[in-house]
Amino acid sequence: MKLYTYIVTHDTGFAPNPFGEYCTLANCTPNHMGIRADADDWICGFSGKADGHRLVYALQVDERIRQDEYFRDSRFEDKKPADDPPERRCGDNFYELREGKGWKQHRNHYHKGDEHLKQDTRSPYVFVGKRFWYFGAERIHLPADIRLNVGGRGVRLSHRERSVERFVRWLEGNHRPGRHGMPLHFDAGCGQSPKGKKPKPRSKHPTC
């Protein structure tokens, strides 16, 4: 069992997408870095240092599937972008691989244009999990005795085995799986922000 951690810069509901039966991570940081999380591994997103590295979400991976399989799989129809309800605007299932024609980027609210298409399909995998803990705007602090390697750029994997086991026991023992809150930046592109305003883009890819 491996644990991957990274900083969720913009928590919009797009990456991760916690809506519906599954939590999915299809188009942002861990995917762009080509990490190899397999079944039973964990991916955890934390807020930045200024916010105390609070836990935004934890996903236990059930499967790692290709974008084209994800697009064709009927289990994930509700992950395809739509205008209503607002949660569907966060849909992350919009890449179709057409025989002899390459990737097609379908209409969506976040990753538009060739630059995103090239980046998203460079490592075209989706992490899927039924067991997930998503806190979003209700993000939480970890207990002081759980010390994970959180912070910095990119994805971190160097966690002590004892700390990982302690983290999983604490999470499963103190919080039920599922969505506990709405995304912090659930903005006009995907509903309404809790604070009534959009987050300020801080990077070239403000959704990641």
N, C-alpha and C. Protein backbone atom coordinates (compact mmCIF):
# COMPACT_ATOMS: atom_id res chain seq x y z
N MET A 1 0.84 -1.20 0.00
CA MET A 1 0.00 0.00 0.00
C MET A 1 0.87 1.24 0.00
N LYS A 2 0.65 2.11 -0.97
CA LYS A 2 1.39 3.36 -1.07
C LYS A 2 0.45 4.53 -0.81
N LEU A 3 1.02 5.64 -0.35
CA LEU A 3 0.24 6.86 -0.11
C LEU A 3 0.90 8.01 -0.86
N TYR A 4 0.14 8.66 -1.73
CA TYR A 4 0.61 9.81 -2.48
C TYR A 4 -0.07 11.06 -1.92
N THR A 5 0.70 12.11 -1.68
CA THR A 5 0.12 13.36 -1.20
C THR A 5 0.53 14.51 -2.12
N TYR A 6 -0.34 15.50 -2.22
CA TYR A 6 -0.04 16.70 -3.00
C TYR A 6 -0.92 17.84 -2.52
N ILE A 7 -0.62 19.05 -2.98
CA ILE A 7 -1.38 20.22 -2.59
C ILE A 7 -2.48 20.50 -3.61
N VAL A 8 -3.71 20.63 -3.14
CA VAL A 8 -4.84 20.99 -3.99
C VAL A 8 -4.90 22.52 -4.03
N THR A 9 -4.45 23.09 -5.12
CA THR A 9 -4.39 24.56 -5.23
C THR A 9 -5.76 25.17 -5.42
N HIS A 10 -6.57 24.53 -6.25
CA HIS A 10 -7.92 25.03 -6.52
C HIS A 10 -8.92 23.89 -6.36
N ASP A 11 -9.73 23.98 -5.34
CA ASP A 11 -10.71 22.94 -5.00
C ASP A 11 -12.06 23.35 -5.58
N THR A 12 -12.27 23.03 -6.86
CA THR A 12 -13.47 23.46 -7.56
C THR A 12 -14.54 22.39 -7.69
N GLY A 13 -14.17 21.13 -7.45
CA GLY A 13 -15.07 20.01 -7.71
C GLY A 13 -14.72 19.30 -9.00
N PHE A 14 -13.72 19.83 -9.71
CA PHE A 14 -13.28 19.22 -10.97
C PHE A 14 -12.20 18.17 -10.73
N ALA A 15 -11.22 18.49 -9.92
CA ALA A 15 -10.12 17.56 -9.63
C ALA A 15 -9.69 17.71 -8.17
N PRO A 16 -10.13 16.81 -7.30
CA PRO A 16 -10.93 15.62 -7.62
C PRO A 16 -12.40 15.98 -7.86
N ASN A 17 -13.10 15.04 -8.47
CA ASN A 17 -14.54 15.18 -8.66
C ASN A 17 -15.22 14.23 -7.67
N PRO A 18 -15.84 14.79 -6.60
CA PRO A 18 -16.40 13.95 -5.54
C PRO A 18 -17.89 13.68 -5.68
N PHE A 19 -18.46 14.00 -6.83
CA PHE A 19 -19.91 13.89 -6.99
C PHE A 19 -20.31 12.54 -7.57
N GLY A 20 -21.41 12.01 -7.05
CA GLY A 20 -21.88 10.71 -7.51
C GLY A 20 -21.33 9.58 -6.67
N GLU A 21 -21.42 8.39 -7.21
CA GLU A 21 -21.04 7.18 -6.48
C GLU A 21 -19.54 7.04 -6.32
N TYR A 22 -18.80 7.63 -7.27
CA TYR A 22 -17.34 7.49 -7.27
C TYR A 22 -16.67 8.85 -7.12
N CYS A 23 -15.51 8.83 -6.50
CA CYS A 23 -14.62 9.99 -6.53
C CYS A 23 -13.59 9.70 -7.62
N THR A 24 -13.35 10.66 -8.49
CA THR A 24 -12.44 10.45 -9.59
C THR A 24 -11.41 11.58 -9.67
N LEU A 25 -10.25 11.23 -10.15
CA LEU A 25 -9.18 12.19 -10.39
C LEU A 25 -8.68 11.93 -11.80
N ALA A 26 -9.04 12.84 -12.71
CA ALA A 26 -8.82 12.54 -14.12
C ALA A 26 -7.83 13.44 -14.84
N ASN A 27 -7.71 14.69 -14.44
CA ASN A 27 -6.98 15.61 -15.30
C ASN A 27 -5.96 16.53 -14.65
N CYS A 28 -5.64 16.32 -13.38
CA CYS A 28 -4.73 17.29 -12.76
C CYS A 28 -3.50 16.65 -12.13
N THR A 29 -2.88 17.32 -11.19
CA THR A 29 -1.50 17.08 -10.77
C THR A 29 -1.00 15.64 -10.78
N PRO A 30 -1.58 14.69 -10.02
CA PRO A 30 -1.03 13.33 -10.04
C PRO A 30 -1.02 12.72 -11.43
N ASN A 31 -2.05 13.02 -12.23
CA ASN A 31 -2.13 12.47 -13.58
C ASN A 31 -1.05 13.07 -14.48
N HIS A 32 -0.87 14.38 -14.38
CA HIS A 32 0.11 15.05 -15.22
C HIS A 32 1.53 14.58 -14.91
N MET A 33 1.77 14.14 -13.68
CA MET A 33 3.09 13.66 -13.31
C MET A 33 3.26 12.17 -13.57
N GLY A 34 2.18 11.53 -14.03
CA GLY A 34 2.26 10.12 -14.40
C GLY A 34 2.49 9.17 -13.24
N ILE A 35 1.92 9.47 -12.06
CA ILE A 35 2.14 8.58 -10.93
C ILE A 35 1.45 7.23 -11.18
N ARG A 36 1.95 6.21 -10.51
CA ARG A 36 1.44 4.86 -10.76
C ARG A 36 0.73 4.34 -9.51
N ALA A 37 -0.37 4.95 -9.16
CA ALA A 37 -1.16 4.46 -8.03
C ALA A 37 -2.03 3.31 -8.51
N ASP A 38 -1.94 2.18 -7.82
CA ASP A 38 -2.71 1.00 -8.19
C ASP A 38 -3.81 0.73 -7.16
N ALA A 39 -4.56 -0.34 -7.35
CA ALA A 39 -5.64 -0.68 -6.44
C ALA A 39 -5.13 -0.79 -5.01
N ASP A 40 -5.89 -0.20 -4.09
CA ASP A 40 -5.62 -0.18 -2.65
C ASP A 40 -4.60 0.88 -2.24
N ASP A 41 -3.97 1.56 -3.20
CA ASP A 41 -3.12 2.70 -2.84
C ASP A 41 -4.01 3.89 -2.50
N TRP A 42 -3.41 4.90 -1.88
CA TRP A 42 -4.15 6.08 -1.45
C TRP A 42 -3.60 7.33 -2.13
N ILE A 43 -4.50 8.25 -2.48
CA ILE A 43 -4.13 9.58 -2.95
C ILE A 43 -4.82 10.58 -2.04
N CYS A 44 -4.05 11.49 -1.47
CA CYS A 44 -4.61 12.47 -0.54
C CYS A 44 -4.22 13.88 -0.96
N GLY A 45 -5.19 14.77 -0.97
CA GLY A 45 -4.95 16.16 -1.30
C GLY A 45 -5.07 17.03 -0.06
N PHE A 46 -4.12 17.93 0.09
CA PHE A 46 -4.09 18.82 1.24
C PHE A 46 -4.11 20.28 0.80
N SER A 47 -4.54 21.16 1.70
CA SER A 47 -4.49 22.59 1.43
C SER A 47 -3.05 23.07 1.59
N GLY A 48 -2.79 24.31 1.22
CA GLY A 48 -1.45 24.86 1.27
C GLY A 48 -0.96 25.14 2.67
N LYS A 49 0.31 25.52 2.75
CA LYS A 49 0.96 25.76 4.05
C LYS A 49 0.24 26.85 4.84
N ALA A 50 -0.18 27.91 4.18
CA ALA A 50 -0.85 29.02 4.86
C ALA A 50 -2.15 28.58 5.52
N ASP A 51 -2.73 27.51 5.02
CA ASP A 51 -3.98 26.98 5.59
C ASP A 51 -3.72 25.81 6.53
N GLY A 52 -2.46 25.56 6.84
CA GLY A 52 -2.14 24.52 7.81
C GLY A 52 -2.10 23.11 7.25
N HIS A 53 -2.00 22.98 5.92
CA HIS A 53 -1.97 21.64 5.30
C HIS A 53 -3.12 20.77 5.81
N ARG A 54 -4.31 21.31 5.73
CA ARG A 54 -5.49 20.53 6.14
C ARG A 54 -5.88 19.53 5.05
N LEU A 55 -6.54 18.45 5.47
CA LEU A 55 -6.93 17.39 4.55
C LEU A 55 -8.16 17.80 3.75
N VAL A 56 -8.01 17.87 2.43
CA VAL A 56 -9.12 18.20 1.54
C VAL A 56 -9.87 16.93 1.15
N TYR A 57 -9.12 15.88 0.82
CA TYR A 57 -9.76 14.61 0.48
C TYR A 57 -8.76 13.47 0.58
N ALA A 58 -9.30 12.27 0.73
CA ALA A 58 -8.51 11.04 0.70
C ALA A 58 -9.27 10.04 -0.16
N LEU A 59 -8.56 9.43 -1.10
CA LEU A 59 -9.17 8.49 -2.04
C LEU A 59 -8.40 7.18 -1.99
N GLN A 60 -9.11 6.09 -1.70
CA GLN A 60 -8.50 4.78 -1.83
C GLN A 60 -8.80 4.27 -3.23
N VAL A 61 -7.77 4.05 -4.00
CA VAL A 61 -7.92 3.72 -5.42
C VAL A 61 -8.48 2.31 -5.59
N ASP A 62 -9.55 2.20 -6.35
CA ASP A 62 -10.09 0.90 -6.76
C ASP A 62 -9.48 0.46 -8.08
N GLU A 63 -9.33 1.41 -8.98
CA GLU A 63 -8.80 1.09 -10.30
C GLU A 63 -8.19 2.33 -10.95
N ARG A 64 -7.28 2.06 -11.85
CA ARG A 64 -6.63 3.09 -12.66
C ARG A 64 -6.92 2.72 -14.10
N ILE A 65 -7.76 3.53 -14.75
CA ILE A 65 -8.20 3.18 -16.10
C ILE A 65 -7.83 4.29 -17.07
N ARG A 66 -7.76 3.94 -18.35
CA ARG A 66 -7.43 4.92 -19.38
C ARG A 66 -8.61 5.86 -19.63
N GLN A 67 -8.29 7.06 -20.09
CA GLN A 67 -9.32 8.05 -20.37
C GLN A 67 -10.36 7.53 -21.37
N ASP A 68 -9.91 6.79 -22.38
CA ASP A 68 -10.85 6.31 -23.39
C ASP A 68 -11.80 5.26 -22.81
N GLU A 69 -11.30 4.41 -21.90
CA GLU A 69 -12.17 3.45 -21.22
C GLU A 69 -13.17 4.18 -20.32
N TYR A 70 -12.67 5.18 -19.64
CA TYR A 70 -13.50 6.01 -18.75
C TYR A 70 -14.65 6.63 -19.54
N PHE A 71 -14.36 7.12 -20.73
CA PHE A 71 -15.38 7.78 -21.54
C PHE A 71 -16.46 6.80 -21.99
N ARG A 72 -16.05 5.56 -22.27
CA ARG A 72 -17.00 4.57 -22.79
C ARG A 72 -17.76 3.82 -21.69
N ASP A 73 -17.27 3.85 -20.47
CA ASP A 73 -17.84 3.06 -19.38
C ASP A 73 -19.14 3.68 -18.87
N SER A 74 -20.23 2.91 -18.92
CA SER A 74 -21.54 3.44 -18.52
C SER A 74 -21.60 3.83 -17.05
N ARG A 75 -20.69 3.30 -16.23
CA ARG A 75 -20.70 3.67 -14.81
C ARG A 75 -20.41 5.14 -14.60
N PHE A 76 -19.76 5.77 -15.59
CA PHE A 76 -19.29 7.13 -15.39
C PHE A 76 -19.99 8.14 -16.30
N GLU A 77 -21.21 7.80 -16.74
CA GLU A 77 -21.97 8.73 -17.56
C GLU A 77 -22.24 10.04 -16.82
N ASP A 78 -22.47 9.94 -15.50
CA ASP A 78 -22.78 11.17 -14.75
C ASP A 78 -21.54 12.01 -14.48
N LYS A 79 -20.38 11.57 -14.93
CA LYS A 79 -19.16 12.37 -14.83
C LYS A 79 -18.91 13.18 -16.11
N LYS A 80 -19.76 12.98 -17.12
CA LYS A 80 -19.63 13.77 -18.34
C LYS A 80 -20.27 15.14 -18.12
N PRO A 81 -19.59 16.20 -18.55
CA PRO A 81 -20.08 17.56 -18.27
C PRO A 81 -21.46 17.82 -18.84
N ALA A 82 -22.26 18.55 -18.06
CA ALA A 82 -23.59 19.01 -18.48
C ALA A 82 -23.86 20.31 -17.73
N ASP A 83 -24.83 21.07 -18.20
CA ASP A 83 -25.11 22.36 -17.56
C ASP A 83 -25.89 22.22 -16.26
N ASP A 84 -26.72 21.21 -16.15
CA ASP A 84 -27.53 21.02 -14.95
C ASP A 84 -27.56 19.54 -14.57
N PRO A 85 -27.60 19.24 -13.26
CA PRO A 85 -27.49 20.18 -12.14
C PRO A 85 -26.09 20.78 -12.07
N PRO A 86 -25.87 21.79 -11.21
CA PRO A 86 -24.57 22.48 -11.16
C PRO A 86 -23.38 21.54 -10.98
N GLU A 87 -23.56 20.44 -10.23
CA GLU A 87 -22.46 19.51 -10.01
C GLU A 87 -21.95 18.90 -11.31
N ARG A 88 -22.84 18.76 -12.30
CA ARG A 88 -22.43 18.16 -13.57
C ARG A 88 -21.51 19.09 -14.35
N ARG A 89 -21.49 20.37 -14.02
CA ARG A 89 -20.58 21.29 -14.69
C ARG A 89 -19.12 20.96 -14.33
N CYS A 90 -18.95 20.24 -13.24
CA CYS A 90 -17.60 19.85 -12.81
C CYS A 90 -17.15 18.56 -13.48
N GLY A 91 -17.93 18.04 -14.39
CA GLY A 91 -17.63 16.75 -15.01
C GLY A 91 -16.23 16.68 -15.58
N ASP A 92 -15.54 15.57 -15.33
CA ASP A 92 -14.15 15.40 -15.77
C ASP A 92 -14.00 14.34 -16.86
N ASN A 93 -15.13 13.86 -17.39
CA ASN A 93 -15.12 12.75 -18.35
C ASN A 93 -15.44 13.27 -19.75
N PHE A 94 -14.42 13.79 -20.45
CA PHE A 94 -14.70 14.42 -21.74
C PHE A 94 -13.65 14.16 -22.81
N TYR A 95 -12.81 13.14 -22.60
CA TYR A 95 -11.82 12.80 -23.62
C TYR A 95 -12.17 11.48 -24.29
N GLU A 96 -12.38 11.54 -25.59
CA GLU A 96 -12.72 10.36 -26.38
C GLU A 96 -11.59 10.06 -27.35
N LEU A 97 -11.15 8.81 -27.40
CA LEU A 97 -10.12 8.40 -28.35
C LEU A 97 -10.80 7.78 -29.56
N ARG A 98 -10.68 8.46 -30.70
CA ARG A 98 -11.34 8.01 -31.93
C ARG A 98 -10.34 7.26 -32.80
N GLU A 99 -10.76 6.13 -33.31
CA GLU A 99 -9.87 5.29 -34.11
C GLU A 99 -9.34 6.04 -35.32
N GLY A 100 -8.02 6.11 -35.41
CA GLY A 100 -7.38 6.75 -36.53
C GLY A 100 -7.39 8.27 -36.51
N LYS A 101 -8.03 8.87 -35.49
CA LYS A 101 -8.15 10.33 -35.44
C LYS A 101 -7.58 10.94 -34.16
N GLY A 102 -7.19 10.11 -33.22
CA GLY A 102 -6.63 10.63 -31.98
C GLY A 102 -7.68 11.09 -30.99
N TRP A 103 -7.25 11.88 -30.03
CA TRP A 103 -8.12 12.31 -28.94
C TRP A 103 -9.05 13.45 -29.35
N LYS A 104 -10.28 13.37 -28.88
CA LYS A 104 -11.22 14.47 -29.04
C LYS A 104 -11.58 15.01 -27.66
N GLN A 105 -11.48 16.30 -27.50
CA GLN A 105 -11.85 16.95 -26.25
C GLN A 105 -13.28 17.46 -26.39
N HIS A 106 -14.20 16.85 -25.67
CA HIS A 106 -15.60 17.28 -25.74
C HIS A 106 -15.82 18.53 -24.89
N ARG A 107 -16.95 19.15 -25.11
CA ARG A 107 -17.30 20.39 -24.40
C ARG A 107 -17.23 20.19 -22.89
N ASN A 108 -16.56 21.11 -22.23
CA ASN A 108 -16.47 21.06 -20.77
C ASN A 108 -16.25 22.47 -20.26
N HIS A 109 -16.24 22.62 -18.93
CA HIS A 109 -16.17 23.95 -18.34
C HIS A 109 -14.78 24.32 -17.83
N TYR A 110 -13.80 23.42 -17.93
CA TYR A 110 -12.51 23.69 -17.29
C TYR A 110 -11.32 23.58 -18.22
N HIS A 111 -11.08 22.42 -18.80
CA HIS A 111 -9.89 22.22 -19.61
C HIS A 111 -10.25 22.32 -21.09
N LYS A 112 -9.99 23.48 -21.67
CA LYS A 112 -10.37 23.74 -23.05
C LYS A 112 -9.14 24.05 -23.89
N GLY A 113 -9.12 23.52 -25.10
CA GLY A 113 -8.06 23.86 -26.04
C GLY A 113 -6.96 22.82 -26.13
N ASP A 114 -6.11 23.01 -27.14
CA ASP A 114 -5.06 22.04 -27.45
C ASP A 114 -4.03 21.88 -26.34
N GLU A 115 -3.72 22.97 -25.64
CA GLU A 115 -2.70 22.87 -24.60
C GLU A 115 -3.14 21.91 -23.50
N HIS A 116 -4.38 22.04 -23.07
CA HIS A 116 -4.91 21.12 -22.06
C HIS A 116 -5.03 19.71 -22.61
N LEU A 117 -5.49 19.58 -23.87
CA LEU A 117 -5.64 18.25 -24.45
C LEU A 117 -4.29 17.51 -24.44
N LYS A 118 -3.23 18.18 -24.86
CA LYS A 118 -1.91 17.54 -24.89
C LYS A 118 -1.45 17.16 -23.49
N GLN A 119 -1.66 18.05 -22.53
CA GLN A 119 -1.21 17.77 -21.18
C GLN A 119 -2.02 16.65 -20.54
N ASP A 120 -3.34 16.68 -20.72
CA ASP A 120 -4.21 15.70 -20.08
C ASP A 120 -4.07 14.30 -20.65
N THR A 121 -3.71 14.20 -21.93
CA THR A 121 -3.62 12.88 -22.57
C THR A 121 -2.19 12.37 -22.65
N ARG A 122 -1.24 13.12 -22.09
CA ARG A 122 0.16 12.65 -22.07
C ARG A 122 0.27 11.41 -21.20
N SER A 123 -0.43 11.42 -20.08
CA SER A 123 -0.54 10.24 -19.21
C SER A 123 -2.04 10.02 -19.00
N PRO A 124 -2.73 9.39 -19.95
CA PRO A 124 -4.20 9.41 -20.01
C PRO A 124 -4.89 8.42 -19.09
N TYR A 125 -4.71 8.62 -17.79
CA TYR A 125 -5.32 7.69 -16.83
C TYR A 125 -6.21 8.42 -15.84
N VAL A 126 -7.16 7.68 -15.32
CA VAL A 126 -8.10 8.19 -14.33
C VAL A 126 -8.04 7.30 -13.10
N PHE A 127 -7.94 7.92 -11.93
CA PHE A 127 -7.97 7.17 -10.68
C PHE A 127 -9.41 7.18 -10.16
N VAL A 128 -9.93 6.01 -9.84
CA VAL A 128 -11.33 5.84 -9.46
C VAL A 128 -11.42 5.15 -8.11
N GLY A 129 -12.30 5.65 -7.25
CA GLY A 129 -12.49 5.00 -5.96
C GLY A 129 -13.90 5.17 -5.42
N LYS A 130 -14.46 4.07 -4.90
CA LYS A 130 -15.75 4.16 -4.22
C LYS A 130 -15.58 4.57 -2.76
N ARG A 131 -14.42 4.20 -2.19
CA ARG A 131 -14.14 4.58 -0.80
C ARG A 131 -13.32 5.85 -0.82
N PHE A 132 -13.98 6.93 -0.45
CA PHE A 132 -13.30 8.22 -0.42
C PHE A 132 -13.87 9.08 0.70
N TRP A 133 -13.05 9.99 1.14
CA TRP A 133 -13.42 10.95 2.18
C TRP A 133 -13.14 12.33 1.62
N TYR A 134 -14.19 13.05 1.28
CA TYR A 134 -14.01 14.37 0.69
C TYR A 134 -14.58 15.43 1.64
N PHE A 135 -13.73 16.37 2.04
CA PHE A 135 -14.13 17.39 2.99
C PHE A 135 -14.32 18.76 2.33
N GLY A 136 -13.59 19.03 1.27
CA GLY A 136 -13.77 20.29 0.54
C GLY A 136 -13.61 21.51 1.43
N ALA A 137 -14.64 22.35 1.46
CA ALA A 137 -14.61 23.56 2.27
C ALA A 137 -14.56 23.26 3.77
N GLU A 138 -14.91 22.03 4.15
CA GLU A 138 -14.87 21.61 5.56
C GLU A 138 -13.57 20.88 5.88
N ARG A 139 -12.54 21.15 5.13
CA ARG A 139 -11.23 20.49 5.29
C ARG A 139 -10.80 20.45 6.75
N ILE A 140 -10.05 19.42 7.11
CA ILE A 140 -9.75 19.18 8.52
C ILE A 140 -8.25 19.04 8.78
N HIS A 141 -7.85 19.32 10.02
CA HIS A 141 -6.47 19.14 10.45
C HIS A 141 -6.24 17.67 10.82
N LEU A 142 -5.04 17.18 10.57
CA LEU A 142 -4.67 15.86 11.03
C LEU A 142 -4.22 15.94 12.48
N PRO A 143 -4.40 14.87 13.25
CA PRO A 143 -3.89 14.86 14.62
C PRO A 143 -2.38 15.08 14.64
N ALA A 144 -1.88 15.64 15.72
CA ALA A 144 -0.47 15.99 15.82
C ALA A 144 0.45 14.78 15.72
N ASP A 145 -0.03 13.59 16.09
CA ASP A 145 0.84 12.41 16.07
C ASP A 145 0.91 11.73 14.70
N ILE A 146 0.19 12.26 13.71
CA ILE A 146 0.28 11.73 12.36
C ILE A 146 1.14 12.67 11.53
N ARG A 147 2.30 12.21 11.16
CA ARG A 147 3.25 13.06 10.44
C ARG A 147 3.48 12.53 9.04
N LEU A 148 2.80 13.16 8.10
CA LEU A 148 2.96 12.80 6.70
C LEU A 148 3.82 13.84 6.00
N ASN A 149 4.45 13.43 4.92
CA ASN A 149 5.30 14.33 4.15
C ASN A 149 4.42 15.14 3.21
N VAL A 150 3.99 16.31 3.67
CA VAL A 150 3.05 17.14 2.92
C VAL A 150 3.71 18.48 2.61
N GLY A 151 3.47 18.98 1.40
CA GLY A 151 3.99 20.29 1.04
C GLY A 151 4.91 20.23 -0.16
N GLY A 152 5.30 21.39 -0.64
CA GLY A 152 6.17 21.45 -1.80
C GLY A 152 5.41 21.27 -3.10
N ARG A 153 6.16 21.20 -4.17
CA ARG A 153 5.55 21.05 -5.49
C ARG A 153 5.45 19.58 -5.88
N GLY A 154 4.44 19.27 -6.69
CA GLY A 154 4.30 17.92 -7.19
C GLY A 154 3.73 16.95 -6.17
N VAL A 155 3.96 15.69 -6.42
CA VAL A 155 3.41 14.61 -5.61
C VAL A 155 4.50 14.00 -4.73
N ARG A 156 4.16 13.72 -3.48
CA ARG A 156 5.12 13.11 -2.55
C ARG A 156 4.70 11.69 -2.21
N LEU A 157 5.71 10.82 -2.14
CA LEU A 157 5.47 9.41 -1.86
C LEU A 157 6.24 8.93 -0.65
N SER A 158 7.23 9.69 -0.20
CA SER A 158 8.13 9.24 0.87
C SER A 158 7.50 9.42 2.25
N HIS A 159 6.61 8.49 2.60
CA HIS A 159 5.95 8.52 3.91
C HIS A 159 6.34 7.28 4.70
N ARG A 160 6.57 7.45 5.98
CA ARG A 160 6.89 6.30 6.81
C ARG A 160 5.70 5.36 6.89
N GLU A 161 5.98 4.07 6.79
CA GLU A 161 4.92 3.07 6.78
C GLU A 161 4.04 3.18 8.03
N ARG A 162 4.66 3.41 9.18
CA ARG A 162 3.89 3.52 10.42
C ARG A 162 2.95 4.72 10.39
N SER A 163 3.42 5.83 9.81
CA SER A 163 2.58 7.02 9.72
C SER A 163 1.40 6.80 8.78
N VAL A 164 1.64 6.08 7.68
CA VAL A 164 0.56 5.79 6.75
C VAL A 164 -0.50 4.91 7.42
N GLU A 165 -0.07 3.87 8.10
CA GLU A 165 -1.02 2.98 8.79
C GLU A 165 -1.80 3.73 9.85
N ARG A 166 -1.13 4.60 10.57
CA ARG A 166 -1.79 5.38 11.62
C ARG A 166 -2.81 6.34 11.01
N PHE A 167 -2.45 6.94 9.88
CA PHE A 167 -3.37 7.85 9.20
C PHE A 167 -4.62 7.12 8.74
N VAL A 168 -4.46 5.96 8.12
CA VAL A 168 -5.61 5.21 7.62
C VAL A 168 -6.52 4.77 8.77
N ARG A 169 -5.93 4.29 9.86
CA ARG A 169 -6.74 3.88 11.02
C ARG A 169 -7.52 5.05 11.58
N TRP A 170 -6.85 6.20 11.69
CA TRP A 170 -7.53 7.39 12.23
C TRP A 170 -8.68 7.83 11.31
N LEU A 171 -8.42 7.86 10.01
CA LEU A 171 -9.44 8.30 9.06
C LEU A 171 -10.65 7.38 9.08
N GLU A 172 -10.41 6.08 9.00
CA GLU A 172 -11.51 5.12 8.97
C GLU A 172 -12.25 5.05 10.30
N GLY A 173 -11.54 5.30 11.38
CA GLY A 173 -12.15 5.20 12.70
C GLY A 173 -12.91 6.43 13.15
N ASN A 174 -12.65 7.58 12.51
CA ASN A 174 -13.24 8.83 12.98
C ASN A 174 -14.15 9.53 11.97
N HIS A 175 -14.13 9.08 10.72
CA HIS A 175 -14.94 9.75 9.70
C HIS A 175 -15.54 8.71 8.77
N ARG A 176 -16.80 8.88 8.48
CA ARG A 176 -17.46 7.96 7.55
C ARG A 176 -17.04 8.31 6.11
N PRO A 177 -16.98 7.34 5.22
CA PRO A 177 -16.65 7.63 3.82
C PRO A 177 -17.73 8.49 3.17
N GLY A 178 -17.36 9.18 2.11
CA GLY A 178 -18.31 9.99 1.36
C GLY A 178 -17.93 11.46 1.35
N ARG A 179 -18.85 12.26 0.84
CA ARG A 179 -18.62 13.69 0.75
C ARG A 179 -19.17 14.39 1.98
N HIS A 180 -18.33 15.15 2.66
CA HIS A 180 -18.70 15.85 3.89
C HIS A 180 -18.92 17.34 3.68
N GLY A 181 -18.59 17.85 2.52
CA GLY A 181 -18.75 19.27 2.26
C GLY A 181 -18.72 19.54 0.77
N MET A 182 -18.99 20.79 0.41
CA MET A 182 -18.89 21.21 -0.99
C MET A 182 -17.49 21.74 -1.25
N PRO A 183 -17.06 21.79 -2.51
CA PRO A 183 -15.74 22.33 -2.83
C PRO A 183 -15.61 23.77 -2.36
N LEU A 184 -14.42 24.13 -1.91
CA LEU A 184 -14.18 25.48 -1.42
C LEU A 184 -14.39 26.51 -2.52
N HIS A 185 -14.00 26.17 -3.74
CA HIS A 185 -14.11 27.09 -4.86
C HIS A 185 -15.18 26.64 -5.84
N PHE A 186 -16.34 26.32 -5.32
CA PHE A 186 -17.45 25.88 -6.16
C PHE A 186 -18.02 27.12 -6.83
N ASP A 187 -17.36 27.61 -7.87
CA ASP A 187 -17.61 28.94 -8.42
C ASP A 187 -18.61 28.94 -9.57
N ALA A 188 -18.65 30.06 -10.30
CA ALA A 188 -19.63 30.23 -11.37
C ALA A 188 -19.46 29.19 -12.48
N GLY A 189 -18.25 28.61 -12.59
CA GLY A 189 -18.04 27.57 -13.59
C GLY A 189 -18.61 26.25 -13.15
N CYS A 190 -18.98 26.15 -11.88
CA CYS A 190 -19.48 24.88 -11.35
C CYS A 190 -20.40 25.12 -10.17
N GLY A 191 -21.25 26.16 -10.23
CA GLY A 191 -22.14 26.46 -9.11
C GLY A 191 -21.81 27.81 -8.53
N GLN A 192 -21.94 27.95 -7.22
CA GLN A 192 -21.67 29.21 -6.55
C GLN A 192 -20.66 29.03 -5.45
N SER A 193 -19.72 29.95 -5.35
CA SER A 193 -18.72 29.91 -4.30
C SER A 193 -19.35 30.15 -2.95
N PRO A 194 -18.90 29.45 -1.89
CA PRO A 194 -19.41 29.70 -0.55
C PRO A 194 -19.22 31.15 -0.13
N LYS A 195 -18.21 31.81 -0.68
CA LYS A 195 -17.94 33.20 -0.31
C LYS A 195 -18.48 34.17 -1.35
N GLY A 196 -19.15 33.62 -2.36
CA GLY A 196 -19.77 34.48 -3.34
C GLY A 196 -18.83 35.07 -4.37
N LYS A 197 -17.63 34.54 -4.49
CA LYS A 197 -16.70 35.07 -5.47
C LYS A 197 -15.79 33.97 -5.97
N LYS A 198 -15.19 34.20 -7.11
CA LYS A 198 -14.31 33.22 -7.71
C LYS A 198 -12.93 33.30 -7.09
N PRO A 199 -12.22 32.17 -7.06
CA PRO A 199 -10.84 32.22 -6.60
C PRO A 199 -9.97 32.92 -7.64
N LYS A 200 -8.93 33.57 -7.21
CA LYS A 200 -8.02 34.22 -8.13
C LYS A 200 -7.08 33.18 -8.72
N PRO A 201 -6.99 33.11 -10.05
CA PRO A 201 -6.06 32.15 -10.66
C PRO A 201 -4.63 32.46 -10.23
N ARG A 202 -3.91 31.42 -9.83
CA ARG A 202 -2.54 31.61 -9.40
C ARG A 202 -1.56 30.84 -10.26
N SER A 203 -2.04 30.19 -11.28
CA SER A 203 -1.16 29.41 -12.12
C SER A 203 -1.67 29.37 -13.54
N LYS A 204 -0.87 28.81 -14.41
CA LYS A 204 -1.24 28.70 -15.82
C LYS A 204 -2.46 27.82 -16.00
N HIS A 205 -2.61 26.85 -15.10
CA HIS A 205 -3.74 25.92 -15.14
C HIS A 205 -4.51 26.06 -13.83
N PRO A 206 -5.39 27.08 -13.73
CA PRO A 206 -6.02 27.42 -12.46
C PRO A 206 -6.96 26.38 -11.89
N THR A 207 -7.27 25.31 -12.62
CA THR A 207 -8.16 24.29 -12.07
C THR A 207 -7.40 23.17 -11.39
N CYS A 208 -6.09 23.19 -11.41
CA CYS A 208 -5.31 22.06 -10.90
C CYS A 208 -4.59 22.38 -9.61
